[in-house]
Amino acid sequence: IGVGPSIQYIGVIDCEGNKLKYKYGNYLLHFPYHTTKGIKLASPMINAVGEFGEFDSKLACVYYEDLNNRDLIMSLKSQGFKIVTAGHKFNPAFLINLKVLIQGSKFTTSDFLGTQVGYCMAMKKPHYIFNERDVSKIVISKSYSSSYSHNIKSTLDEINQLTSIISEGCGLSLNCLKVANEYWGNDIQLTPEELRKKIS
C-alpha cells in the first residue's frame, strides 16, 4: 500500500521548528552514518564532514544506539557539531522530534543514503550526501549467506549511484524528485479519509 513518507502525516506546528531557529539560528542538520543490523564499518565511525556554506550552528542528529559511541561523538564535537537525537525509533514522539529538527533547519546533509534523505526531500529541505563511503570498507556479518551478502553489495552499488544524483541536485532537482518518488513515494500524499480507506 503506497502512502508516501510517513513524516508528512505528522502534525507539527511551525512554531516548534521556529523555537530551534531562535535557539540555534540558521542551522545545518547533519545525519551521520549509523550502525545497522548485519552491517558495520570496519573502522571506527569517524565522519569527515566539511563546511557547507555559512550557518549559525551545526547540529548532528545521532541515532539513539550511537549516543554511546565515543569516537563518533568526539569526532562530531571536534568539528563544531552540537549533538541532538530524535530518540528511540519506537518512541511515539520519534517522528515528531525528527520533523521538528528537519523543519527548523536551513540545509540538511548526511554521509549515507537512508530514510532521512527522503524525509528531508519530502519537507522541501535541500540535502547533500557526502559520498565518501567506500563500499569495500563495509563489512557484512558472517551470519548472512554469500548470496545475501552479494545482494547487499549490489544494493550498495545502487546506493552510490543514487547518492550522486541527489548530491548533484542537492535533493531539489528534477532527477532528485524522480528518485524520491520512486524510492520513497514522495509524490503520494493522501487526505485523512483516503489514508483511512487504504489501511482499513
N, C-alpha and C. Protein backbone atom coordinates (compact mmCIF):
# COMPACT_ATOMS: atom_id res chain seq x y z
N ILE A 1 0.85 -1.19 0.00
CA ILE A 1 0.00 0.00 0.00
C ILE A 1 0.88 1.23 0.00
N GLY A 2 0.77 2.05 -1.03
CA GLY A 2 1.57 3.27 -1.11
C GLY A 2 0.90 4.44 -0.43
N VAL A 3 1.56 4.97 0.59
CA VAL A 3 1.00 6.13 1.30
C VAL A 3 1.98 7.31 1.32
N GLY A 4 3.18 7.09 0.80
CA GLY A 4 4.17 8.16 0.82
C GLY A 4 4.91 8.22 2.15
N PRO A 5 5.80 9.19 2.33
CA PRO A 5 6.59 9.31 3.56
C PRO A 5 5.70 9.52 4.78
N SER A 6 5.90 8.69 5.79
CA SER A 6 5.06 8.78 6.99
C SER A 6 5.21 10.11 7.71
N ILE A 7 6.36 10.78 7.54
CA ILE A 7 6.60 12.03 8.26
C ILE A 7 5.64 13.13 7.83
N GLN A 8 5.09 13.04 6.62
CA GLN A 8 4.18 14.09 6.14
C GLN A 8 2.83 14.05 6.85
N TYR A 9 2.54 12.96 7.53
CA TYR A 9 1.26 12.85 8.23
C TYR A 9 1.38 13.22 9.71
N ILE A 10 2.58 13.63 10.11
CA ILE A 10 2.80 14.03 11.50
C ILE A 10 2.46 15.50 11.64
N GLY A 11 1.56 15.80 12.55
CA GLY A 11 1.16 17.19 12.76
C GLY A 11 2.13 17.94 13.66
N VAL A 12 2.85 18.89 13.10
CA VAL A 12 3.77 19.73 13.87
C VAL A 12 3.54 21.17 13.45
N ILE A 13 3.27 22.03 14.41
CA ILE A 13 3.02 23.44 14.07
C ILE A 13 4.36 24.14 13.83
N ASP A 14 4.34 25.14 12.97
CA ASP A 14 5.57 25.82 12.56
C ASP A 14 6.36 26.39 13.72
N CYS A 15 5.68 26.79 14.78
CA CYS A 15 6.38 27.44 15.88
C CYS A 15 7.37 26.50 16.57
N GLU A 16 7.14 25.17 16.46
CA GLU A 16 8.08 24.22 17.07
C GLU A 16 9.43 24.31 16.37
N GLY A 17 9.41 24.34 15.04
CA GLY A 17 10.66 24.50 14.30
C GLY A 17 11.27 25.86 14.53
N ASN A 18 10.43 26.87 14.70
CA ASN A 18 10.92 28.23 14.94
C ASN A 18 11.65 28.35 16.28
N LYS A 19 11.25 27.51 17.24
CA LYS A 19 11.93 27.52 18.54
C LYS A 19 13.39 27.12 18.37
N LEU A 20 13.63 26.13 17.51
CA LEU A 20 15.00 25.70 17.26
C LEU A 20 15.77 26.78 16.50
N LYS A 21 15.08 27.44 15.56
CA LYS A 21 15.72 28.54 14.82
C LYS A 21 16.13 29.65 15.76
N TYR A 22 15.25 29.94 16.74
CA TYR A 22 15.54 31.00 17.70
C TYR A 22 16.75 30.62 18.56
N LYS A 23 16.85 29.34 18.89
CA LYS A 23 17.94 28.87 19.75
C LYS A 23 19.25 28.73 18.99
N TYR A 24 19.19 28.17 17.76
CA TYR A 24 20.41 27.86 17.02
C TYR A 24 20.64 28.73 15.78
N GLY A 25 19.68 29.59 15.45
CA GLY A 25 19.81 30.42 14.26
C GLY A 25 19.60 29.59 13.00
N ASN A 26 20.23 30.00 11.91
CA ASN A 26 20.17 29.22 10.67
C ASN A 26 21.14 28.04 10.81
N TYR A 27 20.58 26.86 11.02
CA TYR A 27 21.47 25.73 11.30
C TYR A 27 21.46 24.66 10.21
N LEU A 28 22.62 24.01 10.09
CA LEU A 28 22.76 22.85 9.23
C LEU A 28 22.47 21.62 10.07
N LEU A 29 21.67 20.72 9.52
CA LEU A 29 21.34 19.48 10.23
C LEU A 29 22.00 18.31 9.51
N HIS A 30 22.90 17.63 10.21
CA HIS A 30 23.62 16.50 9.61
C HIS A 30 23.19 15.18 10.23
N PHE A 31 23.02 14.17 9.38
CA PHE A 31 22.69 12.82 9.82
C PHE A 31 23.91 11.92 9.58
N PRO A 32 24.69 11.61 10.62
CA PRO A 32 25.85 10.74 10.42
C PRO A 32 25.42 9.29 10.19
N TYR A 33 26.29 8.56 9.50
CA TYR A 33 26.03 7.14 9.27
C TYR A 33 25.83 6.45 10.60
N HIS A 34 24.87 5.52 10.67
CA HIS A 34 24.67 4.81 11.93
C HIS A 34 24.72 3.31 11.73
N THR A 35 24.95 2.60 12.82
CA THR A 35 25.06 1.15 12.79
C THR A 35 23.74 0.54 12.31
N THR A 36 23.85 -0.54 11.56
CA THR A 36 22.69 -1.24 11.02
C THR A 36 22.88 -2.73 11.26
N LYS A 37 21.81 -3.43 11.54
CA LYS A 37 21.89 -4.87 11.79
C LYS A 37 22.52 -5.58 10.60
N GLY A 38 23.59 -6.33 10.88
CA GLY A 38 24.23 -7.12 9.85
C GLY A 38 25.31 -6.38 9.08
N ILE A 39 25.37 -5.06 9.23
CA ILE A 39 26.37 -4.27 8.51
C ILE A 39 27.04 -3.32 9.49
N LYS A 40 28.36 -3.27 9.44
CA LYS A 40 29.08 -2.34 10.29
C LYS A 40 30.31 -1.84 9.54
N LEU A 41 30.88 -0.75 10.03
CA LEU A 41 32.09 -0.22 9.41
C LEU A 41 33.29 -0.97 9.96
N ALA A 42 34.27 -1.22 9.09
CA ALA A 42 35.47 -1.92 9.52
C ALA A 42 36.33 -1.03 10.42
N SER A 43 36.23 0.27 10.25
CA SER A 43 36.99 1.22 11.04
C SER A 43 36.04 2.00 11.95
N PRO A 44 36.57 2.69 12.98
CA PRO A 44 35.70 3.47 13.87
C PRO A 44 34.85 4.46 13.09
N MET A 45 33.66 4.74 13.60
CA MET A 45 32.72 5.63 12.90
C MET A 45 33.14 7.08 13.09
N ILE A 46 34.12 7.51 12.35
CA ILE A 46 34.56 8.91 12.39
C ILE A 46 34.21 9.54 11.06
N ASN A 47 33.34 10.53 11.09
CA ASN A 47 32.80 11.14 9.87
C ASN A 47 33.49 12.46 9.56
N ALA A 48 34.15 12.54 8.41
CA ALA A 48 34.80 13.77 7.99
C ALA A 48 33.79 14.62 7.24
N VAL A 49 33.10 15.47 7.97
CA VAL A 49 32.08 16.33 7.39
C VAL A 49 32.61 17.76 7.31
N GLY A 50 32.72 18.28 6.10
CA GLY A 50 33.26 19.62 5.92
C GLY A 50 32.19 20.69 6.02
N GLU A 51 32.60 21.90 5.94
CA GLU A 51 31.67 23.03 5.95
C GLU A 51 30.86 23.06 4.65
N PHE A 52 29.60 23.46 4.75
CA PHE A 52 28.76 23.59 3.56
C PHE A 52 27.99 24.89 3.67
N GLY A 53 28.65 25.97 3.30
CA GLY A 53 28.02 27.27 3.40
C GLY A 53 28.20 27.87 4.78
N GLU A 54 27.54 29.00 5.00
CA GLU A 54 27.63 29.72 6.27
C GLU A 54 26.39 29.44 7.12
N PHE A 55 26.61 28.98 8.34
CA PHE A 55 25.50 28.67 9.25
C PHE A 55 25.83 29.17 10.64
N ASP A 56 24.79 29.52 11.37
CA ASP A 56 24.99 29.95 12.75
C ASP A 56 25.37 28.77 13.64
N SER A 57 24.83 27.60 13.33
CA SER A 57 25.09 26.40 14.12
C SER A 57 25.09 25.17 13.23
N LYS A 58 25.71 24.10 13.73
CA LYS A 58 25.67 22.81 13.05
C LYS A 58 25.19 21.77 14.05
N LEU A 59 24.09 21.10 13.72
CA LEU A 59 23.55 20.05 14.59
C LEU A 59 23.75 18.69 13.94
N ALA A 60 24.09 17.70 14.74
CA ALA A 60 24.23 16.33 14.25
C ALA A 60 23.16 15.48 14.92
N CYS A 61 22.25 14.96 14.13
CA CYS A 61 21.18 14.12 14.66
C CYS A 61 21.70 12.68 14.73
N VAL A 62 22.06 12.26 15.92
CA VAL A 62 22.70 10.95 16.13
C VAL A 62 21.65 9.88 16.45
N TYR A 63 21.80 8.73 15.82
CA TYR A 63 20.92 7.59 16.07
C TYR A 63 21.04 7.16 17.52
N TYR A 64 19.93 6.80 18.13
CA TYR A 64 19.92 6.55 19.58
C TYR A 64 20.94 5.50 20.02
N GLU A 65 21.18 4.48 19.19
CA GLU A 65 22.12 3.43 19.55
C GLU A 65 23.57 3.92 19.52
N ASP A 66 23.81 5.04 18.86
CA ASP A 66 25.18 5.53 18.71
C ASP A 66 25.54 6.66 19.67
N LEU A 67 24.63 6.99 20.57
CA LEU A 67 24.91 8.07 21.51
C LEU A 67 26.06 7.72 22.45
N ASN A 68 26.31 6.41 22.61
CA ASN A 68 27.42 5.97 23.46
C ASN A 68 28.67 5.66 22.66
N ASN A 69 28.64 5.96 21.36
CA ASN A 69 29.81 5.75 20.51
C ASN A 69 30.75 6.93 20.69
N ARG A 70 31.74 6.75 21.55
CA ARG A 70 32.62 7.86 21.93
C ARG A 70 33.38 8.43 20.74
N ASP A 71 33.86 7.55 19.84
CA ASP A 71 34.62 8.01 18.68
C ASP A 71 33.78 8.94 17.81
N LEU A 72 32.54 8.52 17.57
CA LEU A 72 31.64 9.32 16.73
C LEU A 72 31.33 10.66 17.38
N ILE A 73 30.93 10.63 18.65
CA ILE A 73 30.54 11.86 19.35
C ILE A 73 31.70 12.84 19.43
N MET A 74 32.89 12.34 19.79
CA MET A 74 34.05 13.21 19.90
C MET A 74 34.43 13.80 18.55
N SER A 75 34.31 12.98 17.49
CA SER A 75 34.64 13.48 16.15
C SER A 75 33.71 14.60 15.74
N LEU A 76 32.41 14.41 15.96
CA LEU A 76 31.43 15.42 15.60
C LEU A 76 31.61 16.70 16.41
N LYS A 77 31.84 16.55 17.71
CA LYS A 77 32.03 17.72 18.56
C LYS A 77 33.28 18.49 18.17
N SER A 78 34.34 17.77 17.79
CA SER A 78 35.58 18.44 17.40
C SER A 78 35.40 19.25 16.13
N GLN A 79 34.38 18.92 15.34
CA GLN A 79 34.09 19.66 14.10
C GLN A 79 33.03 20.74 14.32
N GLY A 80 32.68 20.96 15.59
CA GLY A 80 31.76 22.05 15.91
C GLY A 80 30.30 21.69 15.91
N PHE A 81 29.98 20.40 15.89
CA PHE A 81 28.57 19.99 15.89
C PHE A 81 28.02 19.90 17.30
N LYS A 82 26.76 20.31 17.45
CA LYS A 82 26.01 20.09 18.68
C LYS A 82 25.22 18.79 18.48
N ILE A 83 25.24 17.93 19.49
CA ILE A 83 24.63 16.61 19.37
C ILE A 83 23.15 16.65 19.75
N VAL A 84 22.30 16.18 18.85
CA VAL A 84 20.87 16.06 19.12
C VAL A 84 20.42 14.67 18.68
N THR A 85 19.23 14.27 19.07
CA THR A 85 18.68 12.99 18.65
C THR A 85 17.16 13.08 18.59
N ALA A 86 16.58 12.25 17.74
CA ALA A 86 15.11 12.19 17.66
C ALA A 86 14.56 11.18 18.65
N GLY A 87 15.47 10.47 19.35
CA GLY A 87 15.04 9.49 20.35
C GLY A 87 14.99 8.07 19.79
N HIS A 88 14.45 7.17 20.59
CA HIS A 88 14.35 5.76 20.21
C HIS A 88 13.35 5.60 19.08
N LYS A 89 13.65 4.70 18.15
CA LYS A 89 12.79 4.54 16.96
C LYS A 89 11.38 4.07 17.31
N PHE A 90 11.19 3.47 18.48
CA PHE A 90 9.85 3.02 18.87
C PHE A 90 9.14 4.01 19.79
N ASN A 91 9.80 5.12 20.07
CA ASN A 91 9.16 6.16 20.88
C ASN A 91 8.07 6.83 20.03
N PRO A 92 6.84 6.95 20.54
CA PRO A 92 5.76 7.58 19.77
C PRO A 92 6.10 8.99 19.28
N ALA A 93 7.04 9.64 19.97
CA ALA A 93 7.40 11.02 19.59
C ALA A 93 8.59 11.06 18.62
N PHE A 94 9.08 9.90 18.19
CA PHE A 94 10.27 9.86 17.33
C PHE A 94 10.10 10.69 16.06
N LEU A 95 9.04 10.43 15.30
CA LEU A 95 8.83 11.16 14.04
C LEU A 95 8.52 12.63 14.29
N ILE A 96 7.85 12.90 15.39
CA ILE A 96 7.56 14.30 15.74
C ILE A 96 8.88 15.05 15.96
N ASN A 97 9.77 14.45 16.78
CA ASN A 97 11.06 15.07 17.05
C ASN A 97 11.87 15.26 15.77
N LEU A 98 11.85 14.23 14.92
CA LEU A 98 12.59 14.29 13.68
C LEU A 98 12.06 15.39 12.77
N LYS A 99 10.75 15.50 12.69
CA LYS A 99 10.14 16.51 11.83
C LYS A 99 10.47 17.91 12.32
N VAL A 100 10.46 18.11 13.63
CA VAL A 100 10.78 19.43 14.19
C VAL A 100 12.22 19.81 13.85
N LEU A 101 13.14 18.84 13.98
CA LEU A 101 14.55 19.10 13.68
C LEU A 101 14.74 19.47 12.21
N ILE A 102 14.09 18.73 11.32
CA ILE A 102 14.22 19.00 9.89
C ILE A 102 13.54 20.32 9.53
N GLN A 103 12.37 20.53 10.12
CA GLN A 103 11.58 21.73 9.82
C GLN A 103 12.34 23.01 10.12
N GLY A 104 13.10 23.03 11.20
CA GLY A 104 13.80 24.24 11.61
C GLY A 104 15.11 24.48 10.89
N SER A 105 15.58 23.48 10.15
CA SER A 105 16.90 23.57 9.53
C SER A 105 16.89 24.42 8.25
N LYS A 106 18.07 24.94 7.91
CA LYS A 106 18.24 25.69 6.66
C LYS A 106 18.74 24.76 5.56
N PHE A 107 19.58 23.79 5.95
CA PHE A 107 20.18 22.87 4.99
C PHE A 107 20.41 21.55 5.71
N THR A 108 20.29 20.44 4.98
CA THR A 108 20.48 19.12 5.60
C THR A 108 21.52 18.33 4.83
N THR A 109 22.27 17.50 5.56
CA THR A 109 23.29 16.66 4.95
C THR A 109 23.32 15.30 5.64
N SER A 110 23.95 14.36 4.98
CA SER A 110 24.21 13.06 5.60
C SER A 110 25.40 12.45 4.89
N ASP A 111 25.91 11.34 5.43
CA ASP A 111 27.03 10.70 4.76
C ASP A 111 26.68 9.27 4.31
N PHE A 112 25.38 9.02 4.18
CA PHE A 112 24.93 7.74 3.63
C PHE A 112 23.46 7.88 3.26
N LEU A 113 23.07 7.20 2.19
CA LEU A 113 21.68 7.26 1.75
C LEU A 113 20.79 6.48 2.72
N GLY A 114 19.73 7.12 3.19
CA GLY A 114 18.82 6.47 4.12
C GLY A 114 17.47 7.14 4.11
N THR A 115 16.59 6.70 4.97
CA THR A 115 15.23 7.23 5.04
C THR A 115 15.23 8.73 5.30
N GLN A 116 16.23 9.19 6.06
CA GLN A 116 16.29 10.62 6.39
C GLN A 116 16.36 11.49 5.14
N VAL A 117 16.97 10.97 4.07
CA VAL A 117 17.09 11.74 2.83
C VAL A 117 15.71 11.96 2.22
N GLY A 118 14.91 10.89 2.17
CA GLY A 118 13.55 11.01 1.66
C GLY A 118 12.70 11.94 2.49
N TYR A 119 12.88 11.89 3.81
CA TYR A 119 12.13 12.79 4.70
C TYR A 119 12.49 14.25 4.43
N CYS A 120 13.79 14.54 4.32
CA CYS A 120 14.22 15.92 4.08
C CYS A 120 13.70 16.43 2.75
N MET A 121 13.74 15.57 1.73
CA MET A 121 13.25 15.96 0.41
C MET A 121 11.73 16.17 0.43
N ALA A 122 11.03 15.33 1.21
CA ALA A 122 9.57 15.48 1.32
C ALA A 122 9.21 16.80 1.97
N MET A 123 10.10 17.30 2.85
CA MET A 123 9.86 18.56 3.54
C MET A 123 10.50 19.74 2.82
N LYS A 124 10.93 19.49 1.56
CA LYS A 124 11.48 20.55 0.69
C LYS A 124 12.74 21.19 1.28
N LYS A 125 13.52 20.40 1.99
CA LYS A 125 14.79 20.90 2.51
C LYS A 125 15.93 20.43 1.61
N PRO A 126 16.80 21.34 1.18
CA PRO A 126 17.93 20.92 0.35
C PRO A 126 18.78 19.90 1.11
N HIS A 127 19.26 18.90 0.39
CA HIS A 127 20.02 17.83 1.05
C HIS A 127 21.25 17.47 0.22
N TYR A 128 22.37 17.28 0.91
CA TYR A 128 23.60 16.87 0.25
C TYR A 128 24.16 15.65 0.96
N ILE A 129 24.61 14.66 0.18
CA ILE A 129 25.19 13.45 0.75
C ILE A 129 26.69 13.46 0.50
N PHE A 130 27.47 13.41 1.57
CA PHE A 130 28.92 13.34 1.43
C PHE A 130 29.27 11.92 1.03
N ASN A 131 29.50 11.70 -0.24
CA ASN A 131 29.70 10.35 -0.77
C ASN A 131 31.15 9.92 -0.63
N GLU A 132 31.58 9.76 0.62
CA GLU A 132 32.95 9.33 0.88
C GLU A 132 32.99 7.91 1.43
N ARG A 133 31.83 7.27 1.44
CA ARG A 133 31.76 5.92 2.00
C ARG A 133 32.25 4.91 0.98
N ASP A 134 33.35 4.24 1.28
CA ASP A 134 33.92 3.23 0.39
C ASP A 134 33.21 1.91 0.64
N VAL A 135 32.55 1.39 -0.40
CA VAL A 135 31.80 0.14 -0.25
C VAL A 135 32.70 -0.99 0.22
N SER A 136 33.98 -0.95 -0.16
CA SER A 136 34.89 -2.03 0.23
C SER A 136 35.15 -2.05 1.73
N LYS A 137 34.81 -0.94 2.42
CA LYS A 137 35.04 -0.87 3.86
C LYS A 137 33.80 -1.27 4.66
N ILE A 138 32.74 -1.64 3.95
CA ILE A 138 31.54 -2.12 4.63
C ILE A 138 31.72 -3.61 4.90
N VAL A 139 31.51 -4.02 6.13
CA VAL A 139 31.69 -5.42 6.50
C VAL A 139 30.33 -6.08 6.67
N ILE A 140 30.09 -7.15 5.91
CA ILE A 140 28.84 -7.89 6.00
C ILE A 140 28.98 -8.97 7.07
N SER A 141 28.02 -9.06 7.96
CA SER A 141 28.06 -10.06 9.02
C SER A 141 28.21 -11.46 8.44
N LYS A 142 29.06 -12.29 9.07
CA LYS A 142 29.29 -13.66 8.60
C LYS A 142 28.05 -14.54 8.75
N SER A 143 27.09 -14.08 9.52
CA SER A 143 25.87 -14.88 9.73
C SER A 143 24.99 -14.90 8.49
N TYR A 144 25.26 -13.99 7.52
CA TYR A 144 24.47 -13.95 6.30
C TYR A 144 25.08 -14.85 5.23
N SER A 145 24.25 -15.41 4.40
CA SER A 145 24.71 -16.28 3.33
C SER A 145 25.45 -15.46 2.28
N SER A 146 26.27 -16.15 1.45
CA SER A 146 27.04 -15.45 0.42
C SER A 146 26.12 -14.79 -0.60
N SER A 147 24.98 -15.43 -0.90
CA SER A 147 24.04 -14.84 -1.87
C SER A 147 23.42 -13.57 -1.31
N TYR A 148 23.11 -13.58 -0.01
CA TYR A 148 22.53 -12.38 0.61
C TYR A 148 23.56 -11.27 0.66
N SER A 149 24.82 -11.64 0.96
CA SER A 149 25.89 -10.65 1.00
C SER A 149 26.08 -10.02 -0.37
N HIS A 150 25.96 -10.84 -1.43
CA HIS A 150 26.08 -10.32 -2.79
C HIS A 150 24.98 -9.32 -3.08
N ASN A 151 23.76 -9.62 -2.61
CA ASN A 151 22.64 -8.70 -2.80
C ASN A 151 22.88 -7.37 -2.10
N ILE A 152 23.47 -7.45 -0.91
CA ILE A 152 23.78 -6.23 -0.16
C ILE A 152 24.80 -5.39 -0.92
N LYS A 153 25.83 -6.04 -1.47
CA LYS A 153 26.85 -5.31 -2.23
C LYS A 153 26.23 -4.65 -3.45
N SER A 154 25.31 -5.37 -4.13
CA SER A 154 24.64 -4.80 -5.31
C SER A 154 23.82 -3.59 -4.90
N THR A 155 23.15 -3.70 -3.74
CA THR A 155 22.35 -2.59 -3.24
C THR A 155 23.24 -1.39 -2.93
N LEU A 156 24.41 -1.62 -2.35
CA LEU A 156 25.33 -0.54 -2.03
C LEU A 156 25.81 0.16 -3.29
N ASP A 157 26.05 -0.62 -4.35
CA ASP A 157 26.44 -0.02 -5.63
C ASP A 157 25.34 0.89 -6.16
N GLU A 158 24.09 0.42 -6.03
CA GLU A 158 22.94 1.23 -6.48
C GLU A 158 22.81 2.48 -5.63
N ILE A 159 23.08 2.35 -4.34
CA ILE A 159 23.02 3.47 -3.42
C ILE A 159 24.02 4.55 -3.83
N ASN A 160 25.22 4.12 -4.21
CA ASN A 160 26.24 5.09 -4.64
C ASN A 160 25.78 5.88 -5.86
N GLN A 161 25.09 5.21 -6.79
CA GLN A 161 24.58 5.89 -7.98
C GLN A 161 23.51 6.92 -7.60
N LEU A 162 22.59 6.52 -6.73
CA LEU A 162 21.53 7.42 -6.29
C LEU A 162 22.10 8.60 -5.50
N THR A 163 23.13 8.30 -4.71
CA THR A 163 23.77 9.34 -3.92
C THR A 163 24.31 10.45 -4.81
N SER A 164 24.94 10.06 -5.92
CA SER A 164 25.49 11.04 -6.85
C SER A 164 24.40 11.92 -7.44
N ILE A 165 23.26 11.30 -7.80
CA ILE A 165 22.14 12.06 -8.37
C ILE A 165 21.62 13.09 -7.38
N ILE A 166 21.41 12.65 -6.13
CA ILE A 166 20.85 13.53 -5.11
C ILE A 166 21.81 14.66 -4.76
N SER A 167 23.09 14.34 -4.62
CA SER A 167 24.07 15.35 -4.23
C SER A 167 24.26 16.40 -5.32
N GLU A 168 24.23 15.97 -6.58
CA GLU A 168 24.40 16.92 -7.67
C GLU A 168 23.29 17.96 -7.71
N GLY A 169 22.08 17.54 -7.34
CA GLY A 169 20.95 18.47 -7.35
C GLY A 169 20.54 18.94 -5.98
N CYS A 170 21.35 18.58 -4.95
CA CYS A 170 21.04 18.93 -3.55
C CYS A 170 19.60 18.56 -3.17
N GLY A 171 19.12 17.48 -3.75
CA GLY A 171 17.80 16.97 -3.38
C GLY A 171 16.63 17.72 -3.97
N LEU A 172 16.89 18.73 -4.81
CA LEU A 172 15.80 19.58 -5.29
C LEU A 172 15.62 19.55 -6.81
N SER A 173 16.55 18.94 -7.54
CA SER A 173 16.45 18.92 -8.99
C SER A 173 15.38 17.95 -9.45
N LEU A 174 15.03 18.01 -10.73
CA LEU A 174 14.02 17.11 -11.29
C LEU A 174 14.44 15.65 -11.16
N ASN A 175 15.73 15.36 -11.40
CA ASN A 175 16.22 13.99 -11.26
C ASN A 175 16.12 13.50 -9.82
N CYS A 176 16.36 14.42 -8.88
CA CYS A 176 16.25 14.08 -7.46
C CYS A 176 14.80 13.72 -7.11
N LEU A 177 13.89 14.52 -7.61
CA LEU A 177 12.48 14.29 -7.33
C LEU A 177 12.02 12.94 -7.89
N LYS A 178 12.55 12.57 -9.06
CA LYS A 178 12.21 11.27 -9.64
C LYS A 178 12.68 10.14 -8.74
N VAL A 179 13.89 10.28 -8.20
CA VAL A 179 14.43 9.27 -7.27
C VAL A 179 13.56 9.19 -6.02
N ALA A 180 13.21 10.35 -5.48
CA ALA A 180 12.39 10.40 -4.26
C ALA A 180 11.03 9.76 -4.48
N ASN A 181 10.44 10.00 -5.65
CA ASN A 181 9.13 9.43 -5.95
C ASN A 181 9.21 7.92 -6.10
N GLU A 182 10.29 7.44 -6.71
CA GLU A 182 10.42 6.00 -6.95
C GLU A 182 10.73 5.22 -5.68
N TYR A 183 11.62 5.76 -4.85
CA TYR A 183 12.08 5.01 -3.68
C TYR A 183 11.32 5.31 -2.40
N TRP A 184 10.79 6.53 -2.27
CA TRP A 184 10.08 6.89 -1.03
C TRP A 184 8.62 7.28 -1.26
N GLY A 185 8.19 7.28 -2.50
CA GLY A 185 6.81 7.64 -2.78
C GLY A 185 6.48 9.07 -2.41
N ASN A 186 7.42 9.98 -2.62
CA ASN A 186 7.21 11.37 -2.21
C ASN A 186 6.12 12.08 -3.00
N ASP A 187 5.70 11.48 -4.10
CA ASP A 187 4.62 12.08 -4.89
C ASP A 187 3.24 11.64 -4.41
N ILE A 188 3.24 10.81 -3.36
CA ILE A 188 1.96 10.33 -2.80
C ILE A 188 1.64 11.09 -1.52
N GLN A 189 0.51 11.75 -1.51
CA GLN A 189 0.07 12.45 -0.29
C GLN A 189 -1.44 12.29 -0.21
N LEU A 190 -1.89 11.57 0.79
CA LEU A 190 -3.30 11.23 0.93
C LEU A 190 -3.99 12.12 1.94
N THR A 191 -5.28 12.32 1.74
CA THR A 191 -6.09 13.02 2.74
C THR A 191 -6.36 12.04 3.88
N PRO A 192 -6.76 12.54 5.06
CA PRO A 192 -7.07 11.63 6.16
C PRO A 192 -8.09 10.57 5.77
N GLU A 193 -9.09 10.95 4.99
CA GLU A 193 -10.11 9.99 4.55
C GLU A 193 -9.51 8.92 3.64
N GLU A 194 -8.68 9.35 2.69
CA GLU A 194 -8.05 8.40 1.77
C GLU A 194 -7.11 7.45 2.53
N LEU A 195 -6.41 7.98 3.52
CA LEU A 195 -5.49 7.18 4.32
C LEU A 195 -6.26 6.12 5.11
N ARG A 196 -7.37 6.52 5.71
CA ARG A 196 -8.20 5.54 6.46
C ARG A 196 -8.67 4.41 5.56
N LYS A 197 -9.07 4.75 4.34
CA LYS A 197 -9.56 3.73 3.41
C LYS A 197 -8.44 2.77 3.03
N LYS A 198 -7.23 3.31 2.88
CA LYS A 198 -6.08 2.49 2.48
C LYS A 198 -5.74 1.44 3.54
N ILE A 199 -5.81 1.85 4.80
CA ILE A 199 -5.34 0.95 5.86
C ILE A 199 -6.47 0.19 6.54
N SER A 200 -7.72 0.44 6.15
CA SER A 200 -8.85 -0.26 6.76
C SER A 200 -9.05 -1.64 6.13
